[in-house]
Amino acid sequence: MGFIGCSMAENVAQGYVAVGGMVMQSWTSTTSAEQVAKYGKPDTYPTLSGCRCPCSRTPGAKYDEVRQLIAKARRHAAPGAAIYITDQPVYEGDSTGTLAGANGPELTESLAKQAAADASLNVTYPGQLLKEDEVANGCHANTAGQASLGKQGVAFWG
């Protein structure tokens, strides 16, 4: 299984593997050709939509950027691969966290739903990722938070 996304996507992937999910490889880097040679093309591809990272205090991703991420995933995935698009995890009490910026979760949820509604992209939005107040620095999940996200990943992707 491959994934594309920022450090928050990495949190989900680490938690997913830690709770018994499949091995996930980050396909964000420029070494994708090497990864294909070593691991083959993934047939499942979770993609975190909000990552031009909402934690960076820069404006969030734009829909064209989401489309580009999905196109990149298609180039590196097996033919007919299932591609899932997710949003920024939400904190307990619908807080955005100290680093995510105003409306970060809402923006990424909107982008994920927009992409899933676009039949030309052929992606699935499995639902909002949730996490409790299990964060290490106001944005990224600590070990317990990663496990919480990983369990949701198992429910989404198996």
N, C-alpha and C. Protein backbone atom coordinates (compact mmCIF):
# COMPACT_ATOMS: atom_id res chain seq x y z
N MET A 1 0.85 -1.17 0.00
CA MET A 1 0.00 0.00 0.00
C MET A 1 0.89 1.22 0.00
N GLY A 2 0.56 2.19 -0.81
CA GLY A 2 1.32 3.43 -0.86
C GLY A 2 0.47 4.58 -0.36
N PHE A 3 1.12 5.68 0.01
CA PHE A 3 0.37 6.87 0.38
C PHE A 3 1.13 8.11 -0.03
N ILE A 4 0.38 9.18 -0.23
CA ILE A 4 0.93 10.49 -0.53
C ILE A 4 0.40 11.44 0.53
N GLY A 5 1.22 12.32 1.01
CA GLY A 5 0.75 13.32 1.96
C GLY A 5 1.88 13.89 2.77
N CYS A 6 1.53 14.79 3.67
CA CYS A 6 2.51 15.46 4.51
C CYS A 6 2.73 14.65 5.80
N SER A 7 3.27 15.31 6.79
CA SER A 7 3.59 14.65 8.05
C SER A 7 2.35 14.10 8.75
N MET A 8 1.20 14.71 8.53
CA MET A 8 -0.03 14.17 9.13
C MET A 8 -0.42 12.85 8.46
N ALA A 9 -0.18 12.72 7.16
CA ALA A 9 -0.41 11.46 6.47
C ALA A 9 0.54 10.40 7.01
N GLU A 10 1.76 10.82 7.27
CA GLU A 10 2.75 9.92 7.88
C GLU A 10 2.27 9.41 9.23
N ASN A 11 1.63 10.28 10.02
CA ASN A 11 1.06 9.87 11.31
C ASN A 11 0.04 8.75 11.11
N VAL A 12 -0.83 8.90 10.14
CA VAL A 12 -1.85 7.89 9.86
C VAL A 12 -1.18 6.59 9.43
N ALA A 13 -0.20 6.68 8.53
CA ALA A 13 0.50 5.48 8.05
C ALA A 13 1.23 4.76 9.18
N GLN A 14 1.91 5.51 10.03
CA GLN A 14 2.62 4.89 11.15
C GLN A 14 1.65 4.20 12.09
N GLY A 15 0.54 4.84 12.37
CA GLY A 15 -0.47 4.23 13.24
C GLY A 15 -1.09 3.01 12.60
N TYR A 16 -1.34 3.07 11.30
CA TYR A 16 -1.94 1.95 10.57
C TYR A 16 -1.05 0.71 10.65
N VAL A 17 0.22 0.88 10.42
CA VAL A 17 1.16 -0.24 10.51
C VAL A 17 1.27 -0.73 11.95
N ALA A 18 1.30 0.20 12.91
CA ALA A 18 1.47 -0.18 14.32
C ALA A 18 0.31 -1.02 14.86
N VAL A 19 -0.90 -0.83 14.31
CA VAL A 19 -2.04 -1.61 14.81
C VAL A 19 -2.33 -2.83 13.95
N GLY A 20 -1.41 -3.19 13.06
CA GLY A 20 -1.54 -4.42 12.31
C GLY A 20 -1.97 -4.27 10.87
N GLY A 21 -2.02 -3.05 10.36
CA GLY A 21 -2.34 -2.84 8.95
C GLY A 21 -1.16 -3.25 8.08
N MET A 22 -1.38 -3.23 6.78
CA MET A 22 -0.32 -3.57 5.83
C MET A 22 0.82 -2.56 5.92
N VAL A 23 1.95 -2.94 5.39
CA VAL A 23 3.07 -2.01 5.30
C VAL A 23 2.68 -0.91 4.31
N MET A 24 2.94 0.34 4.70
CA MET A 24 2.65 1.47 3.82
C MET A 24 3.95 2.16 3.47
N GLN A 25 4.09 2.50 2.22
CA GLN A 25 5.28 3.21 1.75
C GLN A 25 4.88 4.62 1.34
N SER A 26 5.67 5.60 1.73
CA SER A 26 5.43 6.98 1.31
C SER A 26 5.88 7.14 -0.13
N TRP A 27 4.96 7.65 -0.95
CA TRP A 27 5.25 7.86 -2.37
C TRP A 27 5.33 9.34 -2.68
N THR A 28 5.54 10.15 -1.68
CA THR A 28 5.63 11.59 -1.87
C THR A 28 6.97 11.99 -2.45
N SER A 29 7.97 11.23 -2.19
CA SER A 29 9.33 11.61 -2.58
C SER A 29 9.56 11.43 -4.08
N THR A 30 10.71 11.87 -4.50
CA THR A 30 11.09 11.75 -5.92
C THR A 30 11.68 10.39 -6.23
N THR A 31 11.75 9.49 -5.28
CA THR A 31 12.34 8.17 -5.51
C THR A 31 11.28 7.12 -5.84
N SER A 32 10.14 7.54 -6.36
CA SER A 32 9.06 6.61 -6.64
C SER A 32 9.46 5.49 -7.58
N ALA A 33 10.28 5.76 -8.59
CA ALA A 33 10.71 4.71 -9.51
C ALA A 33 11.48 3.63 -8.77
N GLU A 34 12.31 4.03 -7.83
CA GLU A 34 13.04 3.05 -7.01
C GLU A 34 12.08 2.25 -6.15
N GLN A 35 11.04 2.90 -5.62
CA GLN A 35 10.07 2.19 -4.80
C GLN A 35 9.29 1.18 -5.62
N VAL A 36 8.93 1.53 -6.86
CA VAL A 36 8.23 0.59 -7.73
C VAL A 36 9.11 -0.63 -7.97
N ALA A 37 10.40 -0.41 -8.24
CA ALA A 37 11.31 -1.52 -8.48
C ALA A 37 11.43 -2.43 -7.26
N LYS A 38 11.44 -1.84 -6.07
CA LYS A 38 11.62 -2.61 -4.85
C LYS A 38 10.33 -3.27 -4.36
N TYR A 39 9.20 -2.52 -4.41
CA TYR A 39 7.96 -3.01 -3.78
C TYR A 39 6.84 -3.35 -4.77
N GLY A 40 6.99 -2.96 -6.03
CA GLY A 40 5.90 -3.12 -6.98
C GLY A 40 4.95 -1.94 -6.86
N LYS A 41 3.97 -1.90 -7.74
CA LYS A 41 3.00 -0.81 -7.71
C LYS A 41 1.90 -1.13 -6.71
N PRO A 42 1.57 -0.19 -5.81
CA PRO A 42 0.53 -0.46 -4.83
C PRO A 42 -0.84 -0.57 -5.48
N ASP A 43 -1.71 -1.44 -4.89
CA ASP A 43 -3.06 -1.55 -5.41
C ASP A 43 -4.07 -0.80 -4.55
N THR A 44 -3.58 -0.24 -3.45
CA THR A 44 -4.42 0.62 -2.61
C THR A 44 -3.58 1.84 -2.29
N TYR A 45 -4.22 3.00 -2.33
CA TYR A 45 -3.47 4.23 -2.25
C TYR A 45 -4.21 5.29 -1.46
N PRO A 46 -4.08 5.33 -0.12
CA PRO A 46 -4.66 6.43 0.63
C PRO A 46 -3.90 7.73 0.33
N THR A 47 -4.62 8.81 0.22
CA THR A 47 -4.02 10.11 -0.07
C THR A 47 -4.59 11.13 0.90
N LEU A 48 -3.74 11.86 1.59
CA LEU A 48 -4.23 12.89 2.49
C LEU A 48 -4.34 14.19 1.71
N SER A 49 -5.54 14.72 1.64
CA SER A 49 -5.80 15.84 0.73
C SER A 49 -5.23 17.16 1.18
N GLY A 50 -5.13 17.40 2.46
CA GLY A 50 -4.82 18.75 2.93
C GLY A 50 -3.37 19.08 2.99
N CYS A 51 -2.54 18.26 2.46
CA CYS A 51 -1.15 18.44 2.75
C CYS A 51 -0.40 19.24 1.72
N ARG A 52 -0.40 20.43 1.92
CA ARG A 52 0.63 21.43 1.69
C ARG A 52 0.70 22.00 3.09
N CYS A 53 1.08 21.33 3.95
CA CYS A 53 0.60 20.93 5.25
C CYS A 53 -0.20 22.00 5.98
N PRO A 54 -1.39 21.61 6.45
CA PRO A 54 -2.17 22.56 7.23
C PRO A 54 -1.46 22.98 8.50
N CYS A 55 -0.45 22.24 8.91
CA CYS A 55 0.30 22.60 10.11
C CYS A 55 1.33 23.69 9.86
N SER A 56 1.55 24.05 8.62
CA SER A 56 2.64 24.94 8.29
C SER A 56 2.29 26.42 8.36
N ARG A 57 1.05 26.72 8.66
CA ARG A 57 0.56 28.10 8.72
C ARG A 57 0.57 28.78 7.37
N THR A 58 0.76 28.02 6.29
CA THR A 58 0.63 28.58 4.95
C THR A 58 -0.78 28.25 4.48
N PRO A 59 -1.25 28.93 3.45
CA PRO A 59 -2.60 28.61 2.98
C PRO A 59 -2.71 27.13 2.64
N GLY A 60 -3.87 26.56 2.89
CA GLY A 60 -4.09 25.15 2.64
C GLY A 60 -4.07 24.81 1.15
N ALA A 61 -4.16 23.55 0.88
CA ALA A 61 -4.12 23.06 -0.50
C ALA A 61 -5.28 23.62 -1.30
N LYS A 62 -5.08 23.70 -2.58
CA LYS A 62 -6.10 24.11 -3.53
C LYS A 62 -6.56 22.87 -4.29
N TYR A 63 -7.75 22.92 -4.88
CA TYR A 63 -8.29 21.76 -5.57
C TYR A 63 -7.38 21.29 -6.70
N ASP A 64 -6.77 22.20 -7.44
CA ASP A 64 -5.84 21.78 -8.50
C ASP A 64 -4.68 20.97 -7.95
N GLU A 65 -4.21 21.34 -6.75
CA GLU A 65 -3.13 20.58 -6.12
C GLU A 65 -3.59 19.18 -5.74
N VAL A 66 -4.83 19.07 -5.27
CA VAL A 66 -5.39 17.76 -4.93
C VAL A 66 -5.46 16.90 -6.19
N ARG A 67 -5.92 17.47 -7.27
CA ARG A 67 -5.99 16.74 -8.54
C ARG A 67 -4.59 16.27 -8.97
N GLN A 68 -3.58 17.12 -8.77
CA GLN A 68 -2.20 16.75 -9.11
C GLN A 68 -1.71 15.59 -8.25
N LEU A 69 -2.05 15.60 -6.95
CA LEU A 69 -1.66 14.49 -6.07
C LEU A 69 -2.30 13.18 -6.53
N ILE A 70 -3.57 13.27 -6.90
CA ILE A 70 -4.27 12.07 -7.36
C ILE A 70 -3.65 11.57 -8.66
N ALA A 71 -3.31 12.47 -9.57
CA ALA A 71 -2.66 12.08 -10.82
C ALA A 71 -1.33 11.40 -10.54
N LYS A 72 -0.57 11.94 -9.58
CA LYS A 72 0.71 11.32 -9.21
C LYS A 72 0.48 9.92 -8.65
N ALA A 73 -0.52 9.78 -7.82
CA ALA A 73 -0.83 8.46 -7.26
C ALA A 73 -1.17 7.48 -8.39
N ARG A 74 -1.96 7.91 -9.35
CA ARG A 74 -2.32 7.04 -10.48
C ARG A 74 -1.08 6.61 -11.27
N ARG A 75 -0.14 7.51 -11.46
CA ARG A 75 1.08 7.17 -12.21
C ARG A 75 1.89 6.08 -11.51
N HIS A 76 1.84 6.04 -10.20
CA HIS A 76 2.67 5.10 -9.45
C HIS A 76 1.92 3.86 -8.97
N ALA A 77 0.60 3.86 -9.14
CA ALA A 77 -0.21 2.75 -8.63
C ALA A 77 -0.41 1.69 -9.70
N ALA A 78 -0.81 0.52 -9.24
CA ALA A 78 -1.17 -0.56 -10.16
C ALA A 78 -2.42 -0.15 -10.95
N PRO A 79 -2.58 -0.68 -12.15
CA PRO A 79 -3.79 -0.37 -12.92
C PRO A 79 -5.04 -0.73 -12.10
N GLY A 80 -6.00 0.17 -12.08
CA GLY A 80 -7.24 -0.08 -11.35
C GLY A 80 -7.12 0.05 -9.84
N ALA A 81 -6.01 0.60 -9.35
CA ALA A 81 -5.81 0.72 -7.90
C ALA A 81 -6.93 1.54 -7.27
N ALA A 82 -7.31 1.15 -6.07
CA ALA A 82 -8.28 1.92 -5.29
C ALA A 82 -7.54 3.09 -4.65
N ILE A 83 -8.01 4.29 -4.89
CA ILE A 83 -7.41 5.48 -4.31
C ILE A 83 -8.42 6.11 -3.37
N TYR A 84 -8.00 6.31 -2.14
CA TYR A 84 -8.83 6.92 -1.11
C TYR A 84 -8.27 8.29 -0.78
N ILE A 85 -9.15 9.25 -0.63
CA ILE A 85 -8.71 10.59 -0.27
C ILE A 85 -9.29 10.91 1.11
N THR A 86 -8.43 11.36 1.98
CA THR A 86 -8.86 11.67 3.34
C THR A 86 -8.64 13.14 3.63
N ASP A 87 -9.06 13.52 4.81
CA ASP A 87 -8.93 14.91 5.23
C ASP A 87 -7.95 15.01 6.38
N GLN A 88 -7.76 16.22 6.87
CA GLN A 88 -6.92 16.43 8.03
C GLN A 88 -7.63 15.86 9.25
N PRO A 89 -6.96 15.09 10.09
CA PRO A 89 -7.61 14.58 11.29
C PRO A 89 -8.13 15.72 12.17
N VAL A 90 -9.27 15.47 12.79
CA VAL A 90 -9.92 16.46 13.64
C VAL A 90 -9.63 16.13 15.10
N TYR A 91 -9.42 17.16 15.89
CA TYR A 91 -9.15 16.99 17.31
C TYR A 91 -10.44 16.95 18.12
N GLU A 92 -10.35 16.44 19.31
CA GLU A 92 -11.49 16.39 20.22
C GLU A 92 -12.11 17.77 20.35
N GLY A 93 -13.42 17.83 20.35
CA GLY A 93 -14.11 19.11 20.48
C GLY A 93 -14.04 19.94 19.21
N ASP A 94 -13.71 19.31 18.06
CA ASP A 94 -13.61 19.99 16.77
C ASP A 94 -12.57 21.10 16.75
N SER A 95 -11.60 21.04 17.64
CA SER A 95 -10.51 22.01 17.65
C SER A 95 -9.64 21.78 16.42
N THR A 96 -9.04 22.83 15.91
CA THR A 96 -8.13 22.67 14.77
C THR A 96 -6.71 22.41 15.21
N GLY A 97 -6.42 22.46 16.49
CA GLY A 97 -5.05 22.31 16.95
C GLY A 97 -4.34 23.64 16.81
N THR A 98 -3.26 23.81 17.50
CA THR A 98 -2.60 25.11 17.53
C THR A 98 -1.86 25.45 16.25
N LEU A 99 -1.48 24.47 15.45
CA LEU A 99 -0.70 24.74 14.25
C LEU A 99 -1.49 24.62 12.95
N ALA A 100 -2.68 24.05 13.01
CA ALA A 100 -3.42 23.75 11.79
C ALA A 100 -4.01 24.97 11.12
N GLY A 101 -4.22 26.03 11.85
CA GLY A 101 -4.79 27.23 11.26
C GLY A 101 -6.31 27.17 11.22
N ALA A 102 -6.90 28.31 11.04
CA ALA A 102 -8.35 28.40 11.02
C ALA A 102 -8.93 27.60 9.86
N ASN A 103 -9.94 26.84 10.16
CA ASN A 103 -10.69 26.08 9.15
C ASN A 103 -9.88 25.00 8.44
N GLY A 104 -8.75 24.58 8.99
CA GLY A 104 -7.94 23.53 8.36
C GLY A 104 -8.72 22.25 8.12
N PRO A 105 -9.38 21.69 9.15
CA PRO A 105 -10.14 20.46 8.92
C PRO A 105 -11.28 20.64 7.93
N GLU A 106 -11.97 21.77 8.00
CA GLU A 106 -13.08 22.01 7.09
C GLU A 106 -12.60 22.11 5.64
N LEU A 107 -11.47 22.78 5.44
CA LEU A 107 -10.91 22.91 4.10
C LEU A 107 -10.57 21.55 3.52
N THR A 108 -9.85 20.73 4.29
CA THR A 108 -9.42 19.45 3.74
C THR A 108 -10.60 18.50 3.56
N GLU A 109 -11.60 18.57 4.44
CA GLU A 109 -12.79 17.74 4.26
C GLU A 109 -13.52 18.15 2.98
N SER A 110 -13.65 19.45 2.76
CA SER A 110 -14.31 19.95 1.56
C SER A 110 -13.58 19.50 0.29
N LEU A 111 -12.26 19.59 0.30
CA LEU A 111 -11.47 19.16 -0.86
C LEU A 111 -11.61 17.66 -1.10
N ALA A 112 -11.59 16.87 -0.04
CA ALA A 112 -11.72 15.42 -0.18
C ALA A 112 -13.09 15.06 -0.75
N LYS A 113 -14.13 15.69 -0.25
CA LYS A 113 -15.48 15.43 -0.76
C LYS A 113 -15.62 15.88 -2.21
N GLN A 114 -15.02 17.02 -2.54
CA GLN A 114 -15.08 17.52 -3.91
C GLN A 114 -14.39 16.54 -4.86
N ALA A 115 -13.25 16.03 -4.46
CA ALA A 115 -12.53 15.07 -5.30
C ALA A 115 -13.32 13.78 -5.46
N ALA A 116 -13.92 13.30 -4.38
CA ALA A 116 -14.70 12.06 -4.45
C ALA A 116 -15.94 12.23 -5.33
N ALA A 117 -16.49 13.44 -5.37
CA ALA A 117 -17.67 13.70 -6.20
C ALA A 117 -17.32 13.85 -7.68
N ASP A 118 -16.05 14.04 -7.99
CA ASP A 118 -15.59 14.21 -9.37
C ASP A 118 -15.35 12.82 -9.97
N ALA A 119 -16.31 12.34 -10.76
CA ALA A 119 -16.24 10.98 -11.31
C ALA A 119 -14.97 10.75 -12.14
N SER A 120 -14.42 11.80 -12.73
CA SER A 120 -13.23 11.65 -13.56
C SER A 120 -12.00 11.25 -12.74
N LEU A 121 -12.02 11.53 -11.43
CA LEU A 121 -10.88 11.20 -10.58
C LEU A 121 -10.95 9.77 -10.04
N ASN A 122 -12.14 9.21 -9.93
CA ASN A 122 -12.33 7.84 -9.44
C ASN A 122 -11.61 7.59 -8.11
N VAL A 123 -11.93 8.44 -7.11
CA VAL A 123 -11.40 8.28 -5.76
C VAL A 123 -12.55 8.14 -4.78
N THR A 124 -12.26 7.58 -3.62
CA THR A 124 -13.26 7.36 -2.58
C THR A 124 -12.89 8.17 -1.35
N TYR A 125 -13.88 8.84 -0.78
CA TYR A 125 -13.72 9.52 0.50
C TYR A 125 -14.39 8.64 1.54
N PRO A 126 -13.60 7.95 2.41
CA PRO A 126 -14.19 6.99 3.35
C PRO A 126 -14.81 7.64 4.59
N GLY A 127 -14.60 8.92 4.79
CA GLY A 127 -15.13 9.60 5.97
C GLY A 127 -14.03 10.33 6.70
N GLN A 128 -14.44 11.15 7.63
CA GLN A 128 -13.51 12.01 8.34
C GLN A 128 -12.65 11.23 9.33
N LEU A 129 -11.35 11.54 9.33
CA LEU A 129 -10.43 10.97 10.32
C LEU A 129 -10.56 11.78 11.61
N LEU A 130 -10.69 11.08 12.71
CA LEU A 130 -10.84 11.73 14.00
C LEU A 130 -9.70 11.35 14.91
N LYS A 131 -9.29 12.25 15.76
CA LYS A 131 -8.35 11.88 16.82
C LYS A 131 -8.67 12.71 18.04
N GLU A 132 -8.34 12.15 19.16
CA GLU A 132 -8.61 12.84 20.41
C GLU A 132 -7.46 13.78 20.71
N ASP A 133 -7.39 14.27 21.92
CA ASP A 133 -6.31 15.19 22.30
C ASP A 133 -5.00 14.44 22.51
N GLU A 134 -4.62 13.66 21.54
CA GLU A 134 -3.42 12.83 21.62
C GLU A 134 -2.40 13.36 20.63
N VAL A 135 -1.94 14.57 20.91
CA VAL A 135 -1.01 15.22 20.00
C VAL A 135 0.29 15.55 20.71
N ALA A 136 1.34 15.57 19.92
CA ALA A 136 2.66 15.84 20.50
C ALA A 136 3.01 17.32 20.47
N ASN A 137 2.53 18.04 19.46
CA ASN A 137 2.97 19.43 19.32
C ASN A 137 1.87 20.37 18.81
N GLY A 138 0.63 20.04 19.04
CA GLY A 138 -0.46 20.89 18.59
C GLY A 138 -0.92 20.58 17.19
N CYS A 139 -0.28 19.65 16.52
CA CYS A 139 -0.70 19.28 15.17
C CYS A 139 -0.49 17.79 14.91
N HIS A 140 0.65 17.28 15.23
CA HIS A 140 0.99 15.89 14.92
C HIS A 140 0.60 14.97 16.06
N ALA A 141 0.17 13.77 15.70
CA ALA A 141 -0.25 12.79 16.69
C ALA A 141 0.94 12.20 17.43
N ASN A 142 0.75 11.95 18.73
CA ASN A 142 1.73 11.19 19.48
C ASN A 142 1.44 9.71 19.23
N THR A 143 2.10 8.81 19.94
CA THR A 143 1.94 7.38 19.70
C THR A 143 0.50 6.93 19.87
N ALA A 144 -0.17 7.39 20.93
CA ALA A 144 -1.56 7.01 21.16
C ALA A 144 -2.46 7.57 20.06
N GLY A 145 -2.19 8.79 19.63
CA GLY A 145 -2.97 9.38 18.55
C GLY A 145 -2.76 8.65 17.24
N GLN A 146 -1.53 8.23 16.98
CA GLN A 146 -1.25 7.46 15.77
C GLN A 146 -2.02 6.15 15.78
N ALA A 147 -2.06 5.49 16.94
CA ALA A 147 -2.79 4.23 17.05
C ALA A 147 -4.28 4.46 16.78
N SER A 148 -4.83 5.55 17.30
CA SER A 148 -6.23 5.88 17.06
C SER A 148 -6.49 6.07 15.56
N LEU A 149 -5.62 6.82 14.90
CA LEU A 149 -5.74 7.03 13.46
C LEU A 149 -5.54 5.73 12.69
N GLY A 150 -4.59 4.91 13.14
CA GLY A 150 -4.33 3.63 12.49
C GLY A 150 -5.52 2.70 12.53
N LYS A 151 -6.23 2.68 13.65
CA LYS A 151 -7.43 1.83 13.76
C LYS A 151 -8.50 2.28 12.77
N GLN A 152 -8.61 3.57 12.57
CA GLN A 152 -9.56 4.06 11.57
C GLN A 152 -9.12 3.66 10.17
N GLY A 153 -7.80 3.69 9.92
CA GLY A 153 -7.28 3.25 8.64
C GLY A 153 -7.60 1.79 8.38
N VAL A 154 -7.49 0.94 9.40
CA VAL A 154 -7.82 -0.48 9.25
C VAL A 154 -9.30 -0.61 8.88
N ALA A 155 -10.16 0.19 9.51
CA ALA A 155 -11.58 0.15 9.18
C ALA A 155 -11.82 0.62 7.73
N PHE A 156 -11.06 1.59 7.28
CA PHE A 156 -11.22 2.11 5.91
C PHE A 156 -10.66 1.17 4.86
N TRP A 157 -9.41 0.71 5.07
CA TRP A 157 -8.66 0.03 4.02
C TRP A 157 -8.43 -1.45 4.26
N GLY A 158 -8.76 -1.93 5.43
CA GLY A 158 -8.54 -3.32 5.75
C GLY A 158 -7.19 -3.61 6.34
